[in-house]
Amino acid sequence: EFRELTEFYPNFKFRLVLSKPPEKWPLASGHVTDE
């Protein structure tokens, strides 16, 4: 739902951060505060 918002509203940016991601996780990982 949030990713769809980024497609329709260019002023909105979304980052999902996993602190314990699976192996070869391609997106942001660690603590959200690090980002």
Full PDB file with SEQRES, HELIX, SHEET, SSBOND, CRYST1, ORIGX, SCALE, CONECT and MASTER records, all heavy atoms in Angstrom:
SEQRES   1 A   35  GLU PHE ARG GLU LEU THR GLU PHE TYR PRO ASN PHE LYS          
SEQRES   2 A   35  PHE ARG LEU VAL LEU SER LYS PRO PRO GLU LYS TRP PRO          
SEQRES   3 A   35  LEU ALA SER GLY HIS VAL THR ASP GLU                          
HELIX    1 AA1 PHE A    2  PHE A    8  1                                   7    
CRYST1    1.000    1.000    1.000  90.00  90.00  90.00 P 1           1          
ORIGX1      1.000000  0.000000  0.000000        0.00000                         
ORIGX2      0.000000  1.000000  0.000000        0.00000                         
ORIGX3      0.000000  0.000000  1.000000        0.00000                         
SCALE1      1.000000  0.000000  0.000000        0.00000                         
SCALE2      0.000000  1.000000  0.000000        0.00000                         
SCALE3      0.000000  0.000000  1.000000        0.00000                         
ATOM      1  N   GLU A   1       0.830  -1.211   0.000  1.00  0.00           N  
ATOM      2  CA  GLU A   1       0.000   0.000   0.000  1.00  0.00           C  
ATOM      3  C   GLU A   1       0.861   1.257   0.000  1.00  0.00           C  
ATOM      4  O   GLU A   1       0.583   2.225  -0.712  1.00  0.00           O  
ATOM      5  CB  GLU A   1      -0.938  -0.001   1.205  1.00  0.00           C  
ATOM      6  CG  GLU A   1      -2.003  -1.089   1.154  1.00  0.00           C  
ATOM      7  CD  GLU A   1      -2.998  -0.961   2.286  1.00  0.00           C  
ATOM      8  OE1 GLU A   1      -3.451   0.165   2.550  1.00  0.00           O  
ATOM      9  OE2 GLU A   1      -3.312  -1.989   2.905  1.00  0.00           O  
ATOM     10  N   PHE A   2       1.927   1.231   0.802  1.00  0.00           N  
ATOM     11  CA  PHE A   2       2.818   2.399   0.854  1.00  0.00           C  
ATOM     12  C   PHE A   2       3.629   2.531  -0.435  1.00  0.00           C  
ATOM     13  O   PHE A   2       3.866   3.646  -0.913  1.00  0.00           O  
ATOM     14  CB  PHE A   2       3.739   2.319   2.064  1.00  0.00           C  
ATOM     15  CG  PHE A   2       3.041   2.594   3.373  1.00  0.00           C  
ATOM     16  CD1 PHE A   2       2.969   1.617   4.347  1.00  0.00           C  
ATOM     17  CD2 PHE A   2       2.447   3.820   3.619  1.00  0.00           C  
ATOM     18  CE1 PHE A   2       2.318   1.860   5.554  1.00  0.00           C  
ATOM     19  CE2 PHE A   2       1.792   4.078   4.817  1.00  0.00           C  
ATOM     20  CZ  PHE A   2       1.731   3.091   5.788  1.00  0.00           C  
ATOM     21  N   ARG A   3       4.036   1.416  -1.008  1.00  0.00           N  
ATOM     22  CA  ARG A   3       4.791   1.487  -2.266  1.00  0.00           C  
ATOM     23  C   ARG A   3       3.911   2.017  -3.393  1.00  0.00           C  
ATOM     24  O   ARG A   3       4.381   2.754  -4.270  1.00  0.00           O  
ATOM     25  CB  ARG A   3       5.361   0.108  -2.617  1.00  0.00           C  
ATOM     26  CG  ARG A   3       6.407  -0.374  -1.632  1.00  0.00           C  
ATOM     27  CD  ARG A   3       7.301  -1.443  -2.180  1.00  0.00           C  
ATOM     28  NE  ARG A   3       8.069  -2.081  -1.117  1.00  0.00           N  
ATOM     29  CZ  ARG A   3       9.114  -1.535  -0.500  1.00  0.00           C  
ATOM     30  NH1 ARG A   3       9.516  -0.331  -0.863  1.00  0.00           N  
ATOM     31  NH2 ARG A   3       9.745  -2.175   0.473  1.00  0.00           N  
ATOM     32  N   GLU A   4       2.653   1.659  -3.382  1.00  0.00           N  
ATOM     33  CA  GLU A   4       1.730   2.191  -4.385  1.00  0.00           C  
ATOM     34  C   GLU A   4       1.587   3.706  -4.254  1.00  0.00           C  
ATOM     35  O   GLU A   4       1.490   4.423  -5.254  1.00  0.00           O  
ATOM     36  CB  GLU A   4       0.372   1.510  -4.259  1.00  0.00           C  
ATOM     37  CG  GLU A   4       0.351   0.083  -4.786  1.00  0.00           C  
ATOM     38  CD  GLU A   4      -1.000  -0.564  -4.625  1.00  0.00           C  
ATOM     39  OE1 GLU A   4      -1.945   0.114  -4.173  1.00  0.00           O  
ATOM     40  OE2 GLU A   4      -1.123  -1.768  -4.943  1.00  0.00           O  
ATOM     41  N   LEU A   5       1.608   4.196  -3.018  1.00  0.00           N  
ATOM     42  CA  LEU A   5       1.532   5.642  -2.815  1.00  0.00           C  
ATOM     43  C   LEU A   5       2.715   6.350  -3.467  1.00  0.00           C  
ATOM     44  O   LEU A   5       2.569   7.449  -4.020  1.00  0.00           O  
ATOM     45  CB  LEU A   5       1.491   5.977  -1.322  1.00  0.00           C  
ATOM     46  CG  LEU A   5       0.198   5.700  -0.557  1.00  0.00           C  
ATOM     47  CD1 LEU A   5       0.352   6.162   0.891  1.00  0.00           C  
ATOM     48  CD2 LEU A   5      -0.999   6.391  -1.200  1.00  0.00           C  
ATOM     49  N   THR A   6       3.909   5.731  -3.396  1.00  0.00           N  
ATOM     50  CA  THR A   6       5.092   6.359  -3.994  1.00  0.00           C  
ATOM     51  C   THR A   6       4.944   6.471  -5.507  1.00  0.00           C  
ATOM     52  O   THR A   6       5.543   7.360  -6.134  1.00  0.00           O  
ATOM     53  CB  THR A   6       6.383   5.584  -3.668  1.00  0.00           C  
ATOM     54  OG1 THR A   6       6.336   4.284  -4.288  1.00  0.00           O  
ATOM     55  CG2 THR A   6       6.568   5.418  -2.169  1.00  0.00           C  
ATOM     56  N   GLU A   7       4.155   5.580  -6.120  1.00  0.00           N  
ATOM     57  CA  GLU A   7       3.957   5.620  -7.565  1.00  0.00           C  
ATOM     58  C   GLU A   7       2.988   6.733  -7.973  1.00  0.00           C  
ATOM     59  O   GLU A   7       3.153   7.346  -9.026  1.00  0.00           O  
ATOM     60  CB  GLU A   7       3.428   4.268  -8.058  1.00  0.00           C  
ATOM     61  CG  GLU A   7       4.422   3.121  -7.850  1.00  0.00           C  
ATOM     62  CD  GLU A   7       3.835   1.785  -8.253  1.00  0.00           C  
ATOM     63  OE1 GLU A   7       2.732   1.777  -8.848  1.00  0.00           O  
ATOM     64  OE2 GLU A   7       4.472   0.757  -7.980  1.00  0.00           O  
ATOM     65  N   PHE A   8       2.004   6.985  -7.139  1.00  0.00           N  
ATOM     66  CA  PHE A   8       0.987   7.979  -7.466  1.00  0.00           C  
ATOM     67  C   PHE A   8       1.331   9.381  -6.962  1.00  0.00           C  
ATOM     68  O   PHE A   8       0.844  10.375  -7.496  1.00  0.00           O  
ATOM     69  CB  PHE A   8      -0.364   7.559  -6.896  1.00  0.00           C  
ATOM     70  CG  PHE A   8      -0.987   6.397  -7.621  1.00  0.00           C  
ATOM     71  CD1 PHE A   8      -0.954   5.127  -7.080  1.00  0.00           C  
ATOM     72  CD2 PHE A   8      -1.589   6.576  -8.862  1.00  0.00           C  
ATOM     73  CE1 PHE A   8      -1.522   4.051  -7.745  1.00  0.00           C  
ATOM     74  CE2 PHE A   8      -2.159   5.510  -9.540  1.00  0.00           C  
ATOM     75  CZ  PHE A   8      -2.125   4.243  -8.986  1.00  0.00           C  
ATOM     76  N   TYR A   9       2.163   9.461  -5.919  1.00  0.00           N  
ATOM     77  CA  TYR A   9       2.479  10.754  -5.307  1.00  0.00           C  
ATOM     78  C   TYR A   9       4.001  10.916  -5.247  1.00  0.00           C  
ATOM     79  O   TYR A   9       4.666  10.394  -4.339  1.00  0.00           O  
ATOM     80  CB  TYR A   9       1.865  10.848  -3.909  1.00  0.00           C  
ATOM     81  CG  TYR A   9       0.368  10.639  -3.918  1.00  0.00           C  
ATOM     82  CD1 TYR A   9      -0.177   9.395  -3.618  1.00  0.00           C  
ATOM     83  CD2 TYR A   9      -0.499  11.682  -4.243  1.00  0.00           C  
ATOM     84  CE1 TYR A   9      -1.549   9.186  -3.642  1.00  0.00           C  
ATOM     85  CE2 TYR A   9      -1.873  11.489  -4.268  1.00  0.00           C  
ATOM     86  CZ  TYR A   9      -2.390  10.239  -3.971  1.00  0.00           C  
ATOM     87  OH  TYR A   9      -3.751  10.042  -4.000  1.00  0.00           O  
ATOM     88  N   PRO A  10       4.584  11.649  -6.195  1.00  0.00           N  
ATOM     89  CA  PRO A  10       6.050  11.793  -6.273  1.00  0.00           C  
ATOM     90  C   PRO A  10       6.668  12.444  -5.035  1.00  0.00           C  
ATOM     91  O   PRO A  10       7.870  12.288  -4.804  1.00  0.00           O  
ATOM     92  CB  PRO A  10       6.241  12.685  -7.507  1.00  0.00           C  
ATOM     93  CG  PRO A  10       4.981  12.548  -8.292  1.00  0.00           C  
ATOM     94  CD  PRO A  10       3.899  12.330  -7.297  1.00  0.00           C  
ATOM     95  N   ASN A  11       5.870  13.176  -4.254  1.00  0.00           N  
ATOM     96  CA  ASN A  11       6.406  13.845  -3.063  1.00  0.00           C  
ATOM     97  C   ASN A  11       6.525  12.906  -1.872  1.00  0.00           C  
ATOM     98  O   ASN A  11       7.044  13.298  -0.816  1.00  0.00           O  
ATOM     99  CB  ASN A  11       5.531  15.031  -2.672  1.00  0.00           C  
ATOM    100  CG  ASN A  11       4.078  14.650  -2.423  1.00  0.00           C  
ATOM    101  OD1 ASN A  11       3.485  13.895  -3.195  1.00  0.00           O  
ATOM    102  ND2 ASN A  11       3.499  15.187  -1.357  1.00  0.00           N  
ATOM    103  N   PHE A  12       6.069  11.643  -2.026  1.00  0.00           N  
ATOM    104  CA  PHE A  12       6.116  10.684  -0.924  1.00  0.00           C  
ATOM    105  C   PHE A  12       7.207   9.648  -1.162  1.00  0.00           C  
ATOM    106  O   PHE A  12       7.277   9.022  -2.216  1.00  0.00           O  
ATOM    107  CB  PHE A  12       4.768   9.980  -0.773  1.00  0.00           C  
ATOM    108  CG  PHE A  12       4.751   8.896   0.274  1.00  0.00           C  
ATOM    109  CD1 PHE A  12       4.968   9.203   1.611  1.00  0.00           C  
ATOM    110  CD2 PHE A  12       4.531   7.571  -0.066  1.00  0.00           C  
ATOM    111  CE1 PHE A  12       4.967   8.208   2.586  1.00  0.00           C  
ATOM    112  CE2 PHE A  12       4.514   6.568   0.892  1.00  0.00           C  
ATOM    113  CZ  PHE A  12       4.730   6.892   2.226  1.00  0.00           C  
ATOM    114  N   LYS A  13       8.077   9.463  -0.145  1.00  0.00           N  
ATOM    115  CA  LYS A  13       9.160   8.478  -0.201  1.00  0.00           C  
ATOM    116  C   LYS A  13       9.002   7.502   0.960  1.00  0.00           C  
ATOM    117  O   LYS A  13       8.682   7.901   2.077  1.00  0.00           O  
ATOM    118  CB  LYS A  13      10.533   9.157  -0.115  1.00  0.00           C  
ATOM    119  CG  LYS A  13      10.736  10.303  -1.107  1.00  0.00           C  
ATOM    120  CD  LYS A  13      10.679   9.840  -2.539  1.00  0.00           C  
ATOM    121  CE  LYS A  13      10.913  11.012  -3.507  1.00  0.00           C  
ATOM    122  NZ  LYS A  13      10.751  10.601  -4.919  1.00  0.00           N  
ATOM    123  N   PHE A  14       9.265   6.220   0.684  1.00  0.00           N  
ATOM    124  CA  PHE A  14       9.042   5.164   1.679  1.00  0.00           C  
ATOM    125  C   PHE A  14      10.260   4.249   1.764  1.00  0.00           C  
ATOM    126  O   PHE A  14      10.775   3.798   0.746  1.00  0.00           O  
ATOM    127  CB  PHE A  14       7.800   4.361   1.278  1.00  0.00           C  
ATOM    128  CG  PHE A  14       7.584   3.100   2.075  1.00  0.00           C  
ATOM    129  CD1 PHE A  14       7.602   3.119   3.464  1.00  0.00           C  
ATOM    130  CD2 PHE A  14       7.333   1.898   1.432  1.00  0.00           C  
ATOM    131  CE1 PHE A  14       7.390   1.958   4.195  1.00  0.00           C  
ATOM    132  CE2 PHE A  14       7.105   0.726   2.149  1.00  0.00           C  
ATOM    133  CZ  PHE A  14       7.136   0.765   3.529  1.00  0.00           C  
ATOM    134  N   ARG A  15      10.699   3.989   2.999  1.00  0.00           N  
ATOM    135  CA  ARG A  15      11.791   3.055   3.241  1.00  0.00           C  
ATOM    136  C   ARG A  15      11.364   2.066   4.324  1.00  0.00           C  
ATOM    137  O   ARG A  15      11.088   2.456   5.456  1.00  0.00           O  
ATOM    138  CB  ARG A  15      13.054   3.790   3.708  1.00  0.00           C  
ATOM    139  CG  ARG A  15      13.635   4.764   2.702  1.00  0.00           C  
ATOM    140  CD  ARG A  15      14.330   4.045   1.554  1.00  0.00           C  
ATOM    141  NE  ARG A  15      14.980   5.010   0.680  1.00  0.00           N  
ATOM    142  CZ  ARG A  15      14.388   5.643  -0.330  1.00  0.00           C  
ATOM    143  NH1 ARG A  15      13.118   5.417  -0.593  1.00  0.00           N  
ATOM    144  NH2 ARG A  15      15.049   6.498  -1.077  1.00  0.00           N  
ATOM    145  N   LEU A  16      11.322   0.779   3.966  1.00  0.00           N  
ATOM    146  CA  LEU A  16      11.082  -0.282   4.941  1.00  0.00           C  
ATOM    147  C   LEU A  16      12.437  -0.838   5.351  1.00  0.00           C  
ATOM    148  O   LEU A  16      13.269  -1.167   4.493  1.00  0.00           O  
ATOM    149  CB  LEU A  16      10.225  -1.390   4.319  1.00  0.00           C  
ATOM    150  CG  LEU A  16       9.927  -2.578   5.229  1.00  0.00           C  
ATOM    151  CD1 LEU A  16       8.994  -2.172   6.365  1.00  0.00           C  
ATOM    152  CD2 LEU A  16       9.305  -3.730   4.419  1.00  0.00           C  
ATOM    153  N   VAL A  17      12.664  -0.936   6.663  1.00  0.00           N  
ATOM    154  CA  VAL A  17      13.961  -1.367   7.181  1.00  0.00           C  
ATOM    155  C   VAL A  17      13.766  -2.604   8.058  1.00  0.00           C  
ATOM    156  O   VAL A  17      12.986  -2.580   9.017  1.00  0.00           O  
ATOM    157  CB  VAL A  17      14.624  -0.249   8.017  1.00  0.00           C  
ATOM    158  CG1 VAL A  17      16.028  -0.662   8.432  1.00  0.00           C  
ATOM    159  CG2 VAL A  17      14.659   1.060   7.234  1.00  0.00           C  
ATOM    160  N   LEU A  18      14.454  -3.704   7.731  1.00  0.00           N  
ATOM    161  CA  LEU A  18      14.384  -4.925   8.543  1.00  0.00           C  
ATOM    162  C   LEU A  18      15.635  -5.041   9.406  1.00  0.00           C  
ATOM    163  O   LEU A  18      16.756  -4.958   8.905  1.00  0.00           O  
ATOM    164  CB  LEU A  18      14.266  -6.159   7.649  1.00  0.00           C  
ATOM    165  CG  LEU A  18      13.001  -6.296   6.792  1.00  0.00           C  
ATOM    166  CD1 LEU A  18      12.997  -7.645   6.073  1.00  0.00           C  
ATOM    167  CD2 LEU A  18      11.745  -6.145   7.638  1.00  0.00           C  
ATOM    168  N   SER A  19      15.451  -5.242  10.701  1.00  0.00           N  
ATOM    169  CA  SER A  19      16.601  -5.372  11.600  1.00  0.00           C  
ATOM    170  C   SER A  19      17.202  -6.781  11.561  1.00  0.00           C  
ATOM    171  O   SER A  19      18.376  -6.967  11.867  1.00  0.00           O  
ATOM    172  CB  SER A  19      16.205  -5.015  13.035  1.00  0.00           C  
ATOM    173  OG  SER A  19      15.181  -5.866  13.503  1.00  0.00           O  
ATOM    174  N   LYS A  20      16.393  -7.772  11.157  1.00  0.00           N  
ATOM    175  CA  LYS A  20      16.881  -9.151  11.035  1.00  0.00           C  
ATOM    176  C   LYS A  20      16.429  -9.708   9.683  1.00  0.00           C  
ATOM    177  O   LYS A  20      15.564 -10.588   9.608  1.00  0.00           O  
ATOM    178  CB  LYS A  20      16.366 -10.001  12.188  1.00  0.00           C  
ATOM    179  CG  LYS A  20      16.879  -9.525  13.553  1.00  0.00           C  
ATOM    180  CD  LYS A  20      16.439 -10.426  14.683  1.00  0.00           C  
ATOM    181  CE  LYS A  20      17.016  -9.931  16.008  1.00  0.00           C  
ATOM    182  NZ  LYS A  20      16.626 -10.786  17.142  1.00  0.00           N  
ATOM    183  N   PRO A  21      17.019  -9.193   8.619  1.00  0.00           N  
ATOM    184  CA  PRO A  21      16.564  -9.561   7.269  1.00  0.00           C  
ATOM    185  C   PRO A  21      17.007 -10.969   6.883  1.00  0.00           C  
ATOM    186  O   PRO A  21      17.965 -11.507   7.448  1.00  0.00           O  
ATOM    187  CB  PRO A  21      17.250  -8.520   6.390  1.00  0.00           C  
ATOM    188  CG  PRO A  21      18.514  -8.201   7.122  1.00  0.00           C  
ATOM    189  CD  PRO A  21      18.155  -8.254   8.582  1.00  0.00           C  
ATOM    190  N   PRO A  22      16.327 -11.559   5.895  1.00  0.00           N  
ATOM    191  CA  PRO A  22      16.778 -12.856   5.383  1.00  0.00           C  
ATOM    192  C   PRO A  22      18.051 -12.690   4.566  1.00  0.00           C  
ATOM    193  O   PRO A  22      18.436 -11.571   4.205  1.00  0.00           O  
ATOM    194  CB  PRO A  22      15.608 -13.295   4.494  1.00  0.00           C  
ATOM    195  CG  PRO A  22      14.963 -12.021   4.066  1.00  0.00           C  
ATOM    196  CD  PRO A  22      15.115 -11.081   5.231  1.00  0.00           C  
ATOM    197  N   GLU A  23      18.683 -13.788   4.269  1.00  0.00           N  
ATOM    198  CA  GLU A  23      19.904 -13.750   3.463  1.00  0.00           C  
ATOM    199  C   GLU A  23      19.598 -13.168   2.089  1.00  0.00           C  
ATOM    200  O   GLU A  23      18.546 -13.433   1.500  1.00  0.00           O  
ATOM    201  CB  GLU A  23      20.461 -15.173   3.327  1.00  0.00           C  
ATOM    202  CG  GLU A  23      21.859 -15.227   2.738  1.00  0.00           C  
ATOM    203  CD  GLU A  23      22.436 -16.628   2.733  1.00  0.00           C  
ATOM    204  OE1 GLU A  23      21.820 -17.517   3.328  1.00  0.00           O  
ATOM    205  OE2 GLU A  23      23.501 -16.815   2.122  1.00  0.00           O  
ATOM    206  N   LYS A  24      20.485 -12.334   1.598  1.00  0.00           N  
ATOM    207  CA  LYS A  24      20.371 -11.678   0.296  1.00  0.00           C  
ATOM    208  C   LYS A  24      19.177 -10.720   0.224  1.00  0.00           C  
ATOM    209  O   LYS A  24      18.634 -10.471  -0.841  1.00  0.00           O  
ATOM    210  CB  LYS A  24      20.288 -12.722  -0.827  1.00  0.00           C  
ATOM    211  CG  LYS A  24      21.538 -13.589  -0.940  1.00  0.00           C  
ATOM    212  CD  LYS A  24      21.426 -14.583  -2.075  1.00  0.00           C  
ATOM    213  CE  LYS A  24      22.677 -15.450  -2.169  1.00  0.00           C  
ATOM    214  NZ  LYS A  24      22.574 -16.447  -3.263  1.00  0.00           N  
ATOM    215  N   TRP A  25      18.791 -10.159   1.365  1.00  0.00           N  
ATOM    216  CA  TRP A  25      17.743  -9.141   1.389  1.00  0.00           C  
ATOM    217  C   TRP A  25      18.238  -7.919   0.616  1.00  0.00           C  
ATOM    218  O   TRP A  25      19.279  -7.345   0.946  1.00  0.00           O  
ATOM    219  CB  TRP A  25      17.424  -8.781   2.837  1.00  0.00           C  
ATOM    220  CG  TRP A  25      16.495  -7.624   3.049  1.00  0.00           C  
ATOM    221  CD1 TRP A  25      16.816  -6.390   3.541  1.00  0.00           C  
ATOM    222  CD2 TRP A  25      15.081  -7.594   2.813  1.00  0.00           C  
ATOM    223  NE1 TRP A  25      15.703  -5.595   3.619  1.00  0.00           N  
ATOM    224  CE2 TRP A  25      14.621  -6.304   3.190  1.00  0.00           C  
ATOM    225  CE3 TRP A  25      14.159  -8.520   2.324  1.00  0.00           C  
ATOM    226  CZ2 TRP A  25      13.282  -5.931   3.072  1.00  0.00           C  
ATOM    227  CZ3 TRP A  25      12.822  -8.148   2.215  1.00  0.00           C  
ATOM    228  CH2 TRP A  25      12.390  -6.861   2.591  1.00  0.00           C  
ATOM    229  N   PRO A  26      17.525  -7.475  -0.429  1.00  0.00           N  
ATOM    230  CA  PRO A  26      18.055  -6.426  -1.311  1.00  0.00           C  
ATOM    231  C   PRO A  26      17.807  -4.999  -0.825  1.00  0.00           C  
ATOM    232  O   PRO A  26      18.380  -4.059  -1.376  1.00  0.00           O  
ATOM    233  CB  PRO A  26      17.305  -6.673  -2.622  1.00  0.00           C  
ATOM    234  CG  PRO A  26      15.979  -7.210  -2.171  1.00  0.00           C  
ATOM    235  CD  PRO A  26      16.254  -8.033  -0.938  1.00  0.00           C  
ATOM    236  N   LEU A  27      16.945  -4.835   0.188  1.00  0.00           N  
ATOM    237  CA  LEU A  27      16.566  -3.490   0.610  1.00  0.00           C  
ATOM    238  C   LEU A  27      17.249  -3.108   1.910  1.00  0.00           C  
ATOM    239  O   LEU A  27      18.181  -3.762   2.357  1.00  0.00           O  
ATOM    240  CB  LEU A  27      15.038  -3.421   0.725  1.00  0.00           C  
ATOM    241  CG  LEU A  27      14.273  -3.816  -0.552  1.00  0.00           C  
ATOM    242  CD1 LEU A  27      12.776  -3.783  -0.311  1.00  0.00           C  
ATOM    243  CD2 LEU A  27      14.659  -2.912  -1.716  1.00  0.00           C  
ATOM    244  N   ALA A  28      16.781  -2.033   2.544  1.00  0.00           N  
ATOM    245  CA  ALA A  28      17.440  -1.510   3.734  1.00  0.00           C  
ATOM    246  C   ALA A  28      17.371  -2.494   4.898  1.00  0.00           C  
ATOM    247  O   ALA A  28      16.345  -3.155   5.114  1.00  0.00           O  
ATOM    248  CB  ALA A  28      16.797  -0.185   4.141  1.00  0.00           C  
ATOM    249  N   SER A  29      18.452  -2.586   5.643  1.00  0.00           N  
ATOM    250  CA  SER A  29      18.502  -3.462   6.814  1.00  0.00           C  
ATOM    251  C   SER A  29      19.247  -2.761   7.940  1.00  0.00           C  
ATOM    252  O   SER A  29      19.971  -1.795   7.720  1.00  0.00           O  
ATOM    253  CB  SER A  29      19.177  -4.788   6.472  1.00  0.00           C  
ATOM    254  OG  SER A  29      20.518  -4.573   6.051  1.00  0.00           O  
ATOM    255  N   GLY A  30      19.035  -3.254   9.160  1.00  0.00           N  
ATOM    256  CA  GLY A  30      19.640  -2.636  10.337  1.00  0.00           C  
ATOM    257  C   GLY A  30      18.573  -1.936  11.151  1.00  0.00           C  
ATOM    258  O   GLY A  30      17.408  -2.352  11.170  1.00  0.00           O  
ATOM    259  N   HIS A  31      18.951  -0.880  11.835  1.00  0.00           N  
ATOM    260  CA  HIS A  31      17.994  -0.121  12.644  1.00  0.00           C  
ATOM    261  C   HIS A  31      17.473   1.075  11.844  1.00  0.00           C  
ATOM    262  O   HIS A  31      18.215   1.701  11.087  1.00  0.00           O  
ATOM    263  CB  HIS A  31      18.653   0.353  13.937  1.00  0.00           C  
ATOM    264  CG  HIS A  31      19.041  -0.777  14.836  1.00  0.00           C  
ATOM    265  ND1 HIS A  31      18.125  -1.553  15.513  1.00  0.00           N  
ATOM    266  CD2 HIS A  31      20.260  -1.273  15.173  1.00  0.00           C  
ATOM    267  CE1 HIS A  31      18.740  -2.476  16.214  1.00  0.00           C  
ATOM    268  NE2 HIS A  31      20.049  -2.329  16.027  1.00  0.00           N  
ATOM    269  N   VAL A  32      16.205   1.370  12.051  1.00  0.00           N  
ATOM    270  CA  VAL A  32      15.594   2.457  11.296  1.00  0.00           C  
ATOM    271  C   VAL A  32      16.303   3.789  11.566  1.00  0.00           C  
ATOM    272  O   VAL A  32      16.409   4.643  10.680  1.00  0.00           O  
ATOM    273  CB  VAL A  32      14.083   2.531  11.618  1.00  0.00           C  
ATOM    274  CG1 VAL A  32      13.841   3.008  13.032  1.00  0.00           C  
ATOM    275  CG2 VAL A  32      13.345   3.391  10.619  1.00  0.00           C  
ATOM    276  N   THR A  33      16.844   3.946  12.764  1.00  0.00           N  
ATOM    277  CA  THR A  33      17.555   5.191  13.096  1.00  0.00           C  
ATOM    278  C   THR A  33      18.854   5.343  12.311  1.00  0.00           C  
ATOM    279  O   THR A  33      19.298   6.464  12.049  1.00  0.00           O  
ATOM    280  CB  THR A  33      17.851   5.254  14.601  1.00  0.00           C  
ATOM    281  OG1 THR A  33      18.382   3.994  15.036  1.00  0.00           O  
ATOM    282  CG2 THR A  33      16.580   5.535  15.395  1.00  0.00           C  
ATOM    283  N   ASP A  34      19.463   4.216  11.911  1.00  0.00           N  
ATOM    284  CA  ASP A  34      20.681   4.302  11.097  1.00  0.00           C  
ATOM    285  C   ASP A  34      20.380   4.933   9.746  1.00  0.00           C  
ATOM    286  O   ASP A  34      21.198   5.673   9.191  1.00  0.00           O  
ATOM    287  CB  ASP A  34      21.274   2.904  10.894  1.00  0.00           C  
ATOM    288  CG  ASP A  34      21.780   2.293  12.190  1.00  0.00           C  
ATOM    289  OD1 ASP A  34      22.145   3.072  13.092  1.00  0.00           O  
ATOM    290  OD2 ASP A  34      21.791   1.060  12.299  1.00  0.00           O  
ATOM    291  N   GLU A  35      19.202   4.641   9.204  1.00  0.00           N  
ATOM    292  CA  GLU A  35      18.802   5.210   7.922  1.00  0.00           C  
ATOM    293  C   GLU A  35      18.517   6.712   8.052  1.00  0.00           C  
ATOM    294  O   GLU A  35      18.875   7.503   7.184  1.00  0.00           O  
ATOM    295  CB  GLU A  35      17.557   4.489   7.403  1.00  0.00           C  
ATOM    296  CG  GLU A  35      17.778   3.024   7.064  1.00  0.00           C  
ATOM    297  CD  GLU A  35      18.656   2.837   5.842  1.00  0.00           C  
ATOM    298  OE1 GLU A  35      18.464   3.584   4.865  1.00  0.00           O  
ATOM    299  OE2 GLU A  35      19.525   1.947   5.872  1.00  0.00           O  
TER     300      GLU A  35                                                      
MASTER        0    0    0    1    0    0    0    6  299    1    0    3          
END                                                                             
